[in-house]
Structures are given as C-alpha cells and as structure tokens.
Amino acid sequence: MSVLTKPLDTPPAGAAASSKRGKRPKRKLGSHVFLAFLVLYFVMPLWFLIVSSTKNGSGLFSSPNGALWFGDGFHLFDNLSTLFTYNDGIYLRWLRNSLLYALGGGIGATVLAVLAGYAFAKFDFPGRRLAFSLLLGAVMVPMTALVIPTFIMLSGVGMTNTIWAVILPSMLSPFGVYLMRVYAADAVPDELLDAARMDGAGEFRLFFQVALPLMRPAVVTVLLLSVVGTWNNYFLPLAVLSDSRLFPVTVGINLWQGLAGANNGGGVSLYTLIIVGSLVSIVPLIAAFLGLQRYWQGGLSLGSLK
C-alpha cells in the first residue's frame, strides 16, 4: 500500500497564484509612478517655455500665478511680432543660418557616414581593422576638445568667419560611421550582394539599389542625429564666427542674454525675446522628428523579425 505524501510547507496552488496576482499591481504601480516622474521631469522645461512665452516683460518676473502658469494677459503673438522685427529681423537671419548649417552639415555627415560605414562592413581592404580602431578612438574624443585645433586649422587657410567654418567640421561624424557600419553588417546580407553580383550588377548599382534601401532606417537616424547636433552646436560657431550676421540661433540668443544683463535692450525686454526665441528654435526639430519617425518604426519592425 503506497501512501502519497505532500510537504506541509508547500502552499496550495491557488494561494501561490493569488499571492502573485497581489504583487503584480504593486510592481506596475511603482513603474508607472517612476515613468510619470520622468515624463514630468522632461516636459517641465518645455511647459515653462510655452507658459513664459505668453507673458510680457513685466509679467515674466512678477506673475501672480507663478512661473509655471499663465499670467493675466496672453502676449504670445505680440512677443512673436517683436521677435521677428527686433533689430531689423536679425532673429530670422539667425534662424536661416541655423537651417543652412544643420542641413549642410547634417546631409554631408550622413553621406560620408553611409559610404564609410558600408565600406567598413562589406569590403575587405588593407588597414581595415586599424582604420576602424582609429574611428572608435575618435568616437571617444569629445567634440568640444577639437574646437580649438579646428579653429587654428581653419585660420591657417583663411576660412574663419565664413559659413564653411561651421559646415565642414560638422560633416565629420565618427559615431555616424560606426552606427552605419554596425547596421549595414546585419541589415545587408552578403548572400544578397553575391546573388546580385552573379546577375551582373556592379558595385554602384549594388549600393544604390540593393544596400541603400535596406539601410534607410539607419540613414534617417544618422541624418537626424547630425542635424540636431549641428543645430544645437554652440561652441564651434562661437569660436570660428565673429560676424553677428553669420551667427546661428544658439550663439545669437546667447548674445541677447549678455545684452539683457547689461540692460541694452533699447526699451525691449530681451528676456522675453530670449524665451520666445528658444521656443521657436525647437519647432523645426520637433517637426523633423514627427515627420521622420515612420522610418524608425519600419527599422524597429525589421529588427524584430531577425
């Protein structure tokens, strides 16, 4: 006669399941609270810009509702009109300069990164490992550390205080090359390239018709990173430019900040113009991210199937 015994310290299956169900809501609640805190932390500066842009010069520092809520009047459109007309519309010129520098440097950096990354991933040439090791070393060097050597080099060839002094250095993106190399190694199968070569396709046709469409998500990513990095660049234009008409938005707003501290606004609240100008300067970046996010979604879906 066999007797089936059950350990006394083993809880019933129903009790274990109920205890697990009791722990899950607590874990979800903690993660939700943490995510809500992160959202609040990152949205708060943007909310401050939006709210402060609706106030005039006096309400900016003496609003009865505080700095994070709207004041008595809504002066956003008046502030925008003053921003675009102040000092003969110098802000619009700075905005065009930022757009020129961002597009020129971003597109150039993307083209060079795509070509170099594809070459590192799919071609075996002498010195490939050494060159890629030097590239990884360049990724570790902060860009601000290269500003002074870049200024000395550009000064030696007489290119300081020109648009090329900002665009040409911005076209070098070691991280973009590394990202394209890693993505091309997995996204573009060697078997597909070999099959196309057997069908008589040349290397240029392979790159433009086979490899480039497969690398589109990474291309868009590098383009956006390069454009945003050039748009937000402050130290390089500050070092290589001396003409205020060539300043980008970042350096121009800092110039206003210095004038505001010295009370040289000419009867205009420069602090209001600084805040409104900062708000306007992020609108193109938000539009770029929203317009190109579908390419990222396609890249994420492609990666999830591999």
C-alpha atoms as a PDB file:
ATOM      1  CA  MET A   1       0.000   0.000   0.000  1.00  0.00           C
ATOM      2  CA  SER A   2       1.599   3.220  -1.121  1.00  0.00           C
ATOM      3  CA  VAL A   3       0.888   6.461   0.563  1.00  0.00           C
ATOM      4  CA  LEU A   4       1.263   9.744  -1.371  1.00  0.00           C
ATOM      5  CA  THR A   5       2.606  12.419   0.876  1.00  0.00           C
ATOM      6  CA  LYS A   6       2.716  16.176   0.277  1.00  0.00           C
ATOM      7  CA  PRO A   7       5.147  18.518   2.000  1.00  0.00           C
ATOM      8  CA  LEU A   8       3.484  20.535   4.679  1.00  0.00           C
ATOM      9  CA  ASP A   9       5.366  23.742   3.808  1.00  0.00           C
ATOM     10  CA  THR A  10       4.191  23.822   0.191  1.00  0.00           C
ATOM     11  CA  PRO A  11       1.406  26.383  -0.225  1.00  0.00           C
ATOM     12  CA  PRO A  12      -1.636  25.488  -2.285  1.00  0.00           C
ATOM     13  CA  ALA A  13      -1.527  26.339  -5.950  1.00  0.00           C
ATOM     14  CA  GLY A  14      -4.436  28.751  -5.589  1.00  0.00           C
ATOM     15  CA  ALA A  15      -2.741  30.617  -2.766  1.00  0.00           C
ATOM     16  CA  ALA A  16       0.504  30.975  -4.770  1.00  0.00           C
ATOM     17  CA  ALA A  17      -1.401  32.294  -7.773  1.00  0.00           C
ATOM     18  CA  SER A  18      -3.321  34.767  -5.647  1.00  0.00           C
ATOM     19  CA  SER A  19      -0.126  35.991  -3.989  1.00  0.00           C
ATOM     20  CA  LYS A  20       1.441  36.588  -7.420  1.00  0.00           C
ATOM     21  CA  ARG A  21      -1.636  38.465  -8.537  1.00  0.00           C
ATOM     22  CA  GLY A  22      -1.364  40.566  -5.411  1.00  0.00           C
ATOM     23  CA  LYS A  23       2.262  41.520  -6.103  1.00  0.00           C
ATOM     24  CA  ARG A  24       1.858  42.473  -9.752  1.00  0.00           C
ATOM     25  CA  PRO A  25      -0.271  45.610  -9.220  1.00  0.00           C
ATOM     26  CA  LYS A  26       2.298  46.952  -6.743  1.00  0.00           C
ATOM     27  CA  ARG A  27       5.117  46.462  -9.244  1.00  0.00           C
ATOM     28  CA  LYS A  28       3.115  48.081 -12.030  1.00  0.00           C
ATOM     29  CA  LEU A  29       2.159  50.963  -9.763  1.00  0.00           C
ATOM     30  CA  GLY A  30       5.798  51.617  -8.887  1.00  0.00           C
ATOM     31  CA  SER A  31       6.928  51.555 -12.520  1.00  0.00           C
ATOM     32  CA  HIS A  32       4.055  53.827 -13.545  1.00  0.00           C
ATOM     33  CA  VAL A  33       4.928  56.332 -10.837  1.00  0.00           C
ATOM     34  CA  PHE A  34       8.567  56.310 -11.937  1.00  0.00           C
ATOM     35  CA  LEU A  35       7.604  56.802 -15.602  1.00  0.00           C
ATOM     36  CA  ALA A  36       5.244  59.622 -14.648  1.00  0.00           C
ATOM     37  CA  PHE A  37       8.082  61.301 -12.766  1.00  0.00           C
ATOM     38  CA  LEU A  38      10.360  61.024 -15.823  1.00  0.00           C
ATOM     39  CA  VAL A  39       7.664  62.465 -18.093  1.00  0.00           C
ATOM     40  CA  LEU A  40       7.144  65.351 -15.695  1.00  0.00           C
ATOM     41  CA  TYR A  41      10.891  65.933 -15.445  1.00  0.00           C
ATOM     42  CA  PHE A  42      11.380  66.171 -19.224  1.00  0.00           C
ATOM     43  CA  VAL A  43       8.163  68.040 -20.035  1.00  0.00           C
ATOM     44  CA  MET A  44       8.589  70.703 -17.334  1.00  0.00           C
ATOM     45  CA  PRO A  45      11.183  72.843 -19.216  1.00  0.00           C
ATOM     46  CA  LEU A  46       9.042  72.786 -22.371  1.00  0.00           C
ATOM     47  CA  TRP A  47       5.971  73.762 -20.352  1.00  0.00           C
ATOM     48  CA  PHE A  48       7.936  76.621 -18.786  1.00  0.00           C
ATOM     49  CA  LEU A  49       8.918  77.884 -22.265  1.00  0.00           C
ATOM     50  CA  ILE A  50       5.329  77.760 -23.522  1.00  0.00           C
ATOM     51  CA  VAL A  51       3.903  79.492 -20.460  1.00  0.00           C
ATOM     52  CA  SER A  52       6.619  82.153 -20.265  1.00  0.00           C
ATOM     53  CA  SER A  53       6.279  82.935 -23.980  1.00  0.00           C
ATOM     54  CA  THR A  54       2.730  84.179 -23.345  1.00  0.00           C
ATOM     55  CA  LYS A  55       3.860  86.829 -20.827  1.00  0.00           C
ATOM     56  CA  ASN A  56       5.232  90.299 -21.367  1.00  0.00           C
ATOM     57  CA  GLY A  57       8.384  91.691 -19.794  1.00  0.00           C
ATOM     58  CA  SER A  58       6.777  92.726 -16.524  1.00  0.00           C
ATOM     59  CA  GLY A  59       4.691  89.588 -16.132  1.00  0.00           C
ATOM     60  CA  LEU A  60       7.702  87.360 -16.721  1.00  0.00           C
ATOM     61  CA  PHE A  61       9.174  88.162 -13.309  1.00  0.00           C
ATOM     62  CA  SER A  62       6.095  89.256 -11.373  1.00  0.00           C
ATOM     63  CA  SER A  63       3.343  86.892 -12.470  1.00  0.00           C
ATOM     64  CA  PRO A  64       0.746  86.383  -9.723  1.00  0.00           C
ATOM     65  CA  ASN A  65       0.205  82.777 -10.835  1.00  0.00           C
ATOM     66  CA  GLY A  66       3.849  81.800 -10.620  1.00  0.00           C
ATOM     67  CA  ALA A  67       6.408  80.854 -13.275  1.00  0.00           C
ATOM     68  CA  LEU A  68       4.628  77.658 -14.325  1.00  0.00           C
ATOM     69  CA  TRP A  69       1.212  79.083 -15.084  1.00  0.00           C
ATOM     70  CA  PHE A  70      -0.196  81.719 -17.403  1.00  0.00           C
ATOM     71  CA  GLY A  71      -0.328  85.360 -16.365  1.00  0.00           C
ATOM     72  CA  ASP A  72      -3.072  87.917 -16.604  1.00  0.00           C
ATOM     73  CA  GLY A  73      -2.677  88.550 -20.346  1.00  0.00           C
ATOM     74  CA  PHE A  74      -1.855  86.482 -23.435  1.00  0.00           C
ATOM     75  CA  HIS A  75       1.042  88.185 -25.248  1.00  0.00           C
ATOM     76  CA  LEU A  76       2.398  85.335 -27.374  1.00  0.00           C
ATOM     77  CA  PHE A  77       1.576  86.883 -30.745  1.00  0.00           C
ATOM     78  CA  ASP A  78       2.901  90.285 -29.665  1.00  0.00           C
ATOM     79  CA  ASN A  79       6.111  88.626 -28.493  1.00  0.00           C
ATOM     80  CA  LEU A  80       6.473  86.784 -31.795  1.00  0.00           C
ATOM     81  CA  SER A  81       5.967  90.007 -33.737  1.00  0.00           C
ATOM     82  CA  THR A  82       8.624  91.743 -31.655  1.00  0.00           C
ATOM     83  CA  LEU A  83      10.965  88.782 -32.023  1.00  0.00           C
ATOM     84  CA  PHE A  84      10.789  88.767 -35.822  1.00  0.00           C
ATOM     85  CA  THR A  85      11.130  92.549 -36.174  1.00  0.00           C
ATOM     86  CA  TYR A  86      13.674  93.371 -33.472  1.00  0.00           C
ATOM     87  CA  ASN A  87      16.966  94.772 -34.811  1.00  0.00           C
ATOM     88  CA  ASP A  88      15.791  94.550 -38.440  1.00  0.00           C
ATOM     89  CA  GLY A  89      14.742  90.919 -38.084  1.00  0.00           C
ATOM     90  CA  ILE A  90      18.131  89.591 -37.006  1.00  0.00           C
ATOM     91  CA  TYR A  91      16.476  86.543 -35.409  1.00  0.00           C
ATOM     92  CA  LEU A  92      15.115  85.362 -38.777  1.00  0.00           C
ATOM     93  CA  ARG A  93      18.626  85.645 -40.182  1.00  0.00           C
ATOM     94  CA  TRP A  94      19.974  83.546 -37.313  1.00  0.00           C
ATOM     95  CA  LEU A  95      17.225  81.016 -37.926  1.00  0.00           C
ATOM     96  CA  ARG A  96      18.141  80.764 -41.619  1.00  0.00           C
ATOM     97  CA  ASN A  97      21.803  80.382 -40.674  1.00  0.00           C
ATOM     98  CA  SER A  98      20.976  77.513 -38.302  1.00  0.00           C
ATOM     99  CA  LEU A  99      18.915  75.856 -41.029  1.00  0.00           C
ATOM    100  CA  LEU A 100      21.769  76.219 -43.527  1.00  0.00           C
ATOM    101  CA  TYR A 101      24.375  74.880 -41.120  1.00  0.00           C
ATOM    102  CA  ALA A 102      22.164  71.993 -39.947  1.00  0.00           C
ATOM    103  CA  LEU A 103      21.169  70.859 -43.431  1.00  0.00           C
ATOM    104  CA  GLY A 104      24.615  71.336 -44.947  1.00  0.00           C
ATOM    105  CA  GLY A 105      26.492  69.670 -42.112  1.00  0.00           C
ATOM    106  CA  GLY A 106      23.816  67.028 -41.462  1.00  0.00           C
ATOM    107  CA  ILE A 107      23.429  65.909 -45.074  1.00  0.00           C
ATOM    108  CA  GLY A 108      27.186  65.932 -45.615  1.00  0.00           C
ATOM    109  CA  ALA A 109      27.825  63.950 -42.446  1.00  0.00           C
ATOM    110  CA  THR A 110      25.130  61.428 -43.424  1.00  0.00           C
ATOM    111  CA  VAL A 111      26.549  60.890 -46.917  1.00  0.00           C
ATOM    112  CA  LEU A 112      30.067  60.362 -45.602  1.00  0.00           C
ATOM    113  CA  ALA A 113      28.854  58.094 -42.784  1.00  0.00           C
ATOM    114  CA  VAL A 114      26.784  55.914 -45.142  1.00  0.00           C
ATOM    115  CA  LEU A 115      29.639  55.487 -47.624  1.00  0.00           C
ATOM    116  CA  ALA A 116      32.277  54.837 -44.971  1.00  0.00           C
ATOM    117  CA  GLY A 117      30.071  52.548 -42.884  1.00  0.00           C
ATOM    118  CA  TYR A 118      29.101  50.443 -45.892  1.00  0.00           C
ATOM    119  CA  ALA A 119      32.760  50.171 -46.933  1.00  0.00           C
ATOM    120  CA  PHE A 120      33.833  49.066 -43.458  1.00  0.00           C
ATOM    121  CA  ALA A 121      31.033  46.489 -43.313  1.00  0.00           C
ATOM    122  CA  LYS A 122      31.200  44.926 -46.791  1.00  0.00           C
ATOM    123  CA  PHE A 123      34.709  45.427 -48.167  1.00  0.00           C
ATOM    124  CA  ASP A 124      37.944  43.844 -47.019  1.00  0.00           C
ATOM    125  CA  PHE A 125      40.815  46.235 -47.709  1.00  0.00           C
ATOM    126  CA  PRO A 126      44.324  46.638 -46.229  1.00  0.00           C
ATOM    127  CA  GLY A 127      44.318  48.526 -42.942  1.00  0.00           C
ATOM    128  CA  ARG A 128      40.605  47.983 -42.360  1.00  0.00           C
ATOM    129  CA  ARG A 129      40.925  46.972 -38.709  1.00  0.00           C
ATOM    130  CA  LEU A 130      43.418  49.731 -37.934  1.00  0.00           C
ATOM    131  CA  ALA A 131      41.231  52.368 -39.566  1.00  0.00           C
ATOM    132  CA  PHE A 132      38.157  51.159 -37.691  1.00  0.00           C
ATOM    133  CA  SER A 133      40.101  51.161 -34.405  1.00  0.00           C
ATOM    134  CA  LEU A 134      41.099  54.773 -35.042  1.00  0.00           C
ATOM    135  CA  LEU A 135      37.454  55.519 -35.768  1.00  0.00           C
ATOM    136  CA  LEU A 136      36.398  54.040 -32.423  1.00  0.00           C
ATOM    137  CA  GLY A 137      39.055  56.159 -30.742  1.00  0.00           C
ATOM    138  CA  ALA A 138      37.658  59.265 -32.437  1.00  0.00           C
ATOM    139  CA  VAL A 139      34.215  58.452 -31.043  1.00  0.00           C
ATOM    140  CA  MET A 140      35.649  58.727 -27.521  1.00  0.00           C
ATOM    141  CA  VAL A 141      37.017  62.244 -28.090  1.00  0.00           C
ATOM    142  CA  PRO A 142      34.523  64.994 -27.122  1.00  0.00           C
ATOM    143  CA  MET A 143      33.781  67.385 -29.972  1.00  0.00           C
ATOM    144  CA  THR A 144      34.421  70.418 -27.776  1.00  0.00           C
ATOM    145  CA  ALA A 145      38.035  69.294 -27.359  1.00  0.00           C
ATOM    146  CA  LEU A 146      38.520  69.610 -31.120  1.00  0.00           C
ATOM    147  CA  VAL A 147      37.164  73.157 -31.441  1.00  0.00           C
ATOM    148  CA  ILE A 148      40.414  74.999 -30.746  1.00  0.00           C
ATOM    149  CA  PRO A 149      42.532  72.790 -33.103  1.00  0.00           C
ATOM    150  CA  THR A 150      39.796  73.194 -35.717  1.00  0.00           C
ATOM    151  CA  PHE A 151      39.882  76.975 -35.305  1.00  0.00           C
ATOM    152  CA  ILE A 152      43.673  77.042 -35.720  1.00  0.00           C
ATOM    153  CA  MET A 153      43.471  74.883 -38.850  1.00  0.00           C
ATOM    154  CA  LEU A 154      40.689  76.964 -40.400  1.00  0.00           C
ATOM    155  CA  SER A 155      42.505  80.172 -39.509  1.00  0.00           C
ATOM    156  CA  GLY A 156      45.586  78.911 -41.323  1.00  0.00           C
ATOM    157  CA  VAL A 157      43.650  78.557 -44.594  1.00  0.00           C
ATOM    158  CA  GLY A 158      41.634  81.763 -44.123  1.00  0.00           C
ATOM    159  CA  MET A 159      38.224  80.125 -43.654  1.00  0.00           C
ATOM    160  CA  THR A 160      37.254  81.573 -40.284  1.00  0.00           C
ATOM    161  CA  ASN A 161      34.184  83.806 -40.114  1.00  0.00           C
ATOM    162  CA  THR A 162      32.588  82.016 -43.080  1.00  0.00           C
ATOM    163  CA  ILE A 163      29.727  79.538 -43.330  1.00  0.00           C
ATOM    164  CA  TRP A 164      32.205  76.802 -44.289  1.00  0.00           C
ATOM    165  CA  ALA A 165      33.901  77.142 -40.925  1.00  0.00           C
ATOM    166  CA  VAL A 166      30.751  75.643 -39.383  1.00  0.00           C
ATOM    167  CA  ILE A 167      29.595  73.307 -42.155  1.00  0.00           C
ATOM    168  CA  LEU A 168      32.862  71.490 -42.937  1.00  0.00           C
ATOM    169  CA  PRO A 169      33.693  70.396 -39.345  1.00  0.00           C
ATOM    170  CA  SER A 170      30.060  69.353 -38.860  1.00  0.00           C
ATOM    171  CA  MET A 171      30.341  66.907 -41.758  1.00  0.00           C
ATOM    172  CA  LEU A 172      32.636  64.646 -39.727  1.00  0.00           C
ATOM    173  CA  SER A 173      30.649  62.193 -37.610  1.00  0.00           C
ATOM    174  CA  PRO A 174      32.669  59.230 -36.278  1.00  0.00           C
ATOM    175  CA  PHE A 175      29.669  57.932 -34.351  1.00  0.00           C
ATOM    176  CA  GLY A 176      27.572  58.061 -37.536  1.00  0.00           C
ATOM    177  CA  VAL A 177      30.157  55.963 -39.370  1.00  0.00           C
ATOM    178  CA  TYR A 178      30.224  53.449 -36.514  1.00  0.00           C
ATOM    179  CA  LEU A 179      26.428  53.237 -36.440  1.00  0.00           C
ATOM    180  CA  MET A 180      26.193  52.707 -40.202  1.00  0.00           C
ATOM    181  CA  ARG A 181      28.916  50.060 -40.108  1.00  0.00           C
ATOM    182  CA  VAL A 182      27.135  48.075 -37.389  1.00  0.00           C
ATOM    183  CA  TYR A 183      23.743  48.363 -39.072  1.00  0.00           C
ATOM    184  CA  ALA A 184      24.981  47.555 -42.591  1.00  0.00           C
ATOM    185  CA  ALA A 185      26.765  44.436 -41.354  1.00  0.00           C
ATOM    186  CA  ASP A 186      23.433  42.887 -40.274  1.00  0.00           C
ATOM    187  CA  ALA A 187      20.832  44.585 -42.460  1.00  0.00           C
ATOM    188  CA  VAL A 188      22.557  43.879 -45.793  1.00  0.00           C
ATOM    189  CA  PRO A 189      23.175  40.107 -46.189  1.00  0.00           C
ATOM    190  CA  ASP A 190      26.317  39.085 -48.023  1.00  0.00           C
ATOM    191  CA  GLU A 191      24.333  36.367 -49.835  1.00  0.00           C
ATOM    192  CA  LEU A 192      22.069  39.022 -51.333  1.00  0.00           C
ATOM    193  CA  LEU A 193      25.042  41.014 -52.610  1.00  0.00           C
ATOM    194  CA  ASP A 194      26.672  37.895 -54.057  1.00  0.00           C
ATOM    195  CA  ALA A 195      23.453  36.949 -55.851  1.00  0.00           C
ATOM    196  CA  ALA A 196      23.224  40.450 -57.342  1.00  0.00           C
ATOM    197  CA  ARG A 197      26.850  40.263 -58.481  1.00  0.00           C
ATOM    198  CA  MET A 198      26.145  36.945 -60.199  1.00  0.00           C
ATOM    199  CA  ASP A 199      23.285  38.658 -62.057  1.00  0.00           C
ATOM    200  CA  GLY A 200      25.757  41.191 -63.407  1.00  0.00           C
ATOM    201  CA  ALA A 201      25.156  44.126 -61.057  1.00  0.00           C
ATOM    202  CA  GLY A 202      28.104  46.461 -60.482  1.00  0.00           C
ATOM    203  CA  GLU A 203      29.180  47.862 -57.139  1.00  0.00           C
ATOM    204  CA  PHE A 204      27.453  51.219 -57.631  1.00  0.00           C
ATOM    205  CA  ARG A 205      24.211  49.516 -58.586  1.00  0.00           C
ATOM    206  CA  LEU A 206      24.551  47.176 -55.616  1.00  0.00           C
ATOM    207  CA  PHE A 207      24.927  50.112 -53.263  1.00  0.00           C
ATOM    208  CA  PHE A 208      22.145  52.338 -54.583  1.00  0.00           C
ATOM    209  CA  GLN A 209      19.530  49.712 -55.488  1.00  0.00           C
ATOM    210  CA  VAL A 210      20.181  46.899 -53.001  1.00  0.00           C
ATOM    211  CA  ALA A 211      22.054  48.119 -49.921  1.00  0.00           C
ATOM    212  CA  LEU A 212      20.800  51.685 -49.535  1.00  0.00           C
ATOM    213  CA  PRO A 213      17.066  50.809 -49.314  1.00  0.00           C
ATOM    214  CA  LEU A 214      17.847  48.240 -46.615  1.00  0.00           C
ATOM    215  CA  MET A 215      19.841  50.812 -44.633  1.00  0.00           C
ATOM    216  CA  ARG A 216      17.146  53.500 -44.775  1.00  0.00           C
ATOM    217  CA  PRO A 217      16.229  53.447 -41.033  1.00  0.00           C
ATOM    218  CA  ALA A 218      19.877  53.880 -40.052  1.00  0.00           C
ATOM    219  CA  VAL A 219      20.346  56.595 -42.678  1.00  0.00           C
ATOM    220  CA  VAL A 220      17.417  58.570 -41.244  1.00  0.00           C
ATOM    221  CA  THR A 221      18.765  58.071 -37.725  1.00  0.00           C
ATOM    222  CA  VAL A 222      22.224  59.371 -38.636  1.00  0.00           C
ATOM    223  CA  LEU A 223      20.674  62.270 -40.536  1.00  0.00           C
ATOM    224  CA  LEU A 224      18.564  63.341 -37.570  1.00  0.00           C
ATOM    225  CA  LEU A 225      21.416  62.957 -35.089  1.00  0.00           C
ATOM    226  CA  SER A 226      23.696  65.015 -37.323  1.00  0.00           C
ATOM    227  CA  VAL A 227      21.098  67.710 -37.965  1.00  0.00           C
ATOM    228  CA  VAL A 228      20.176  68.012 -34.290  1.00  0.00           C
ATOM    229  CA  GLY A 229      23.834  68.047 -33.235  1.00  0.00           C
ATOM    230  CA  THR A 230      24.670  70.817 -35.716  1.00  0.00           C
ATOM    231  CA  TRP A 231      21.520  72.792 -34.863  1.00  0.00           C
ATOM    232  CA  ASN A 232      22.330  72.726 -31.145  1.00  0.00           C
ATOM    233  CA  ASN A 233      26.062  73.311 -31.613  1.00  0.00           C
ATOM    234  CA  TYR A 234      27.205  76.353 -29.690  1.00  0.00           C
ATOM    235  CA  PHE A 235      30.934  76.222 -29.002  1.00  0.00           C
ATOM    236  CA  LEU A 236      32.123  75.744 -32.608  1.00  0.00           C
ATOM    237  CA  PRO A 237      30.203  78.712 -34.128  1.00  0.00           C
ATOM    238  CA  LEU A 238      31.191  80.844 -31.138  1.00  0.00           C
ATOM    239  CA  ALA A 239      34.882  80.122 -31.790  1.00  0.00           C
ATOM    240  CA  VAL A 240      35.013  80.417 -35.594  1.00  0.00           C
ATOM    241  CA  LEU A 241      32.486  83.227 -36.217  1.00  0.00           C
ATOM    242  CA  SER A 242      32.835  86.897 -35.325  1.00  0.00           C
ATOM    243  CA  ASP A 243      30.178  88.472 -37.563  1.00  0.00           C
ATOM    244  CA  SER A 244      26.807  88.512 -35.789  1.00  0.00           C
ATOM    245  CA  ARG A 245      25.041  88.190 -39.156  1.00  0.00           C
ATOM    246  CA  LEU A 246      26.542  84.679 -39.508  1.00  0.00           C
ATOM    247  CA  PHE A 247      25.558  83.517 -36.018  1.00  0.00           C
ATOM    248  CA  PRO A 248      23.201  80.560 -35.598  1.00  0.00           C
ATOM    249  CA  VAL A 249      20.296  80.738 -33.166  1.00  0.00           C
ATOM    250  CA  THR A 250      22.288  79.283 -30.272  1.00  0.00           C
ATOM    251  CA  VAL A 251      25.018  81.934 -30.390  1.00  0.00           C
ATOM    252  CA  GLY A 252      22.561  84.718 -31.216  1.00  0.00           C
ATOM    253  CA  ILE A 253      20.359  84.013 -28.197  1.00  0.00           C
ATOM    254  CA  ASN A 254      23.455  83.961 -26.003  1.00  0.00           C
ATOM    255  CA  LEU A 255      24.384  87.374 -27.422  1.00  0.00           C
ATOM    256  CA  TRP A 256      20.965  88.681 -26.360  1.00  0.00           C
ATOM    257  CA  GLN A 257      21.479  87.203 -22.923  1.00  0.00           C
ATOM    258  CA  GLY A 258      24.649  89.234 -22.498  1.00  0.00           C
ATOM    259  CA  LEU A 259      22.887  92.384 -23.677  1.00  0.00           C
ATOM    260  CA  ALA A 260      19.946  91.710 -21.353  1.00  0.00           C
ATOM    261  CA  GLY A 261      22.308  91.510 -18.403  1.00  0.00           C
ATOM    262  CA  ALA A 262      23.746  94.903 -19.396  1.00  0.00           C
ATOM    263  CA  ASN A 263      20.249  96.411 -19.945  1.00  0.00           C
ATOM    264  CA  ASN A 264      20.958  97.198 -23.593  1.00  0.00           C
ATOM    265  CA  GLY A 265      17.624  96.115 -24.979  1.00  0.00           C
ATOM    266  CA  GLY A 266      16.637  99.531 -26.235  1.00  0.00           C
ATOM    267  CA  GLY A 267      13.304  99.526 -24.412  1.00  0.00           C
ATOM    268  CA  VAL A 268      12.522  95.902 -25.323  1.00  0.00           C
ATOM    269  CA  SER A 269      12.548  93.100 -22.775  1.00  0.00           C
ATOM    270  CA  LEU A 270      15.320  90.904 -24.148  1.00  0.00           C
ATOM    271  CA  TYR A 271      14.489  88.212 -21.605  1.00  0.00           C
ATOM    272  CA  THR A 272      11.108  87.803 -23.270  1.00  0.00           C
ATOM    273  CA  LEU A 273      12.761  87.610 -26.694  1.00  0.00           C
ATOM    274  CA  ILE A 274      15.223  85.005 -25.383  1.00  0.00           C
ATOM    275  CA  ILE A 275      12.423  82.769 -24.129  1.00  0.00           C
ATOM    276  CA  VAL A 276      10.244  83.163 -27.222  1.00  0.00           C
ATOM    277  CA  GLY A 277      13.270  82.674 -29.476  1.00  0.00           C
ATOM    278  CA  SER A 278      14.186  79.493 -27.626  1.00  0.00           C
ATOM    279  CA  LEU A 279      10.652  78.189 -28.103  1.00  0.00           C
ATOM    280  CA  VAL A 280      10.666  78.954 -31.833  1.00  0.00           C
ATOM    281  CA  SER A 281      14.083  77.345 -32.264  1.00  0.00           C
ATOM    282  CA  ILE A 282      12.850  73.904 -31.176  1.00  0.00           C
ATOM    283  CA  VAL A 283       9.841  73.861 -33.514  1.00  0.00           C
ATOM    284  CA  PRO A 284      11.863  72.705 -36.591  1.00  0.00           C
ATOM    285  CA  LEU A 285      13.419  69.868 -34.581  1.00  0.00           C
ATOM    286  CA  ILE A 286      10.035  68.665 -33.334  1.00  0.00           C
ATOM    287  CA  ALA A 287       8.672  68.768 -36.891  1.00  0.00           C
ATOM    288  CA  ALA A 288      11.665  66.776 -38.161  1.00  0.00           C
ATOM    289  CA  PHE A 289      11.233  64.061 -35.525  1.00  0.00           C
ATOM    290  CA  LEU A 290       7.495  63.760 -36.090  1.00  0.00           C
ATOM    291  CA  GLY A 291       7.859  63.686 -39.868  1.00  0.00           C
ATOM    292  CA  LEU A 292      10.576  61.028 -39.955  1.00  0.00           C
ATOM    293  CA  GLN A 293       9.508  58.721 -37.129  1.00  0.00           C
ATOM    294  CA  ARG A 294       7.759  56.320 -39.529  1.00  0.00           C
ATOM    295  CA  TYR A 295      11.163  55.352 -40.908  1.00  0.00           C
ATOM    296  CA  TRP A 296      12.283  54.451 -37.397  1.00  0.00           C
ATOM    297  CA  GLN A 297       9.181  52.354 -36.884  1.00  0.00           C
ATOM    298  CA  GLY A 298       9.966  50.437 -40.057  1.00  0.00           C
ATOM    299  CA  GLY A 299      13.506  49.837 -38.858  1.00  0.00           C
ATOM    300  CA  LEU A 300      12.351  48.571 -35.478  1.00  0.00           C
ATOM    301  CA  SER A 301       9.922  46.160 -37.124  1.00  0.00           C
ATOM    302  CA  LEU A 302      12.663  44.905 -39.419  1.00  0.00           C
ATOM    303  CA  GLY A 303      14.987  44.316 -36.492  1.00  0.00           C
ATOM    304  CA  SER A 304      12.338  42.429 -34.517  1.00  0.00           C
ATOM    305  CA  LEU A 305      11.969  39.849 -37.313  1.00  0.00           C
ATOM    306  CA  LYS A 306      15.665  38.993 -37.438  1.00  0.00           C
END
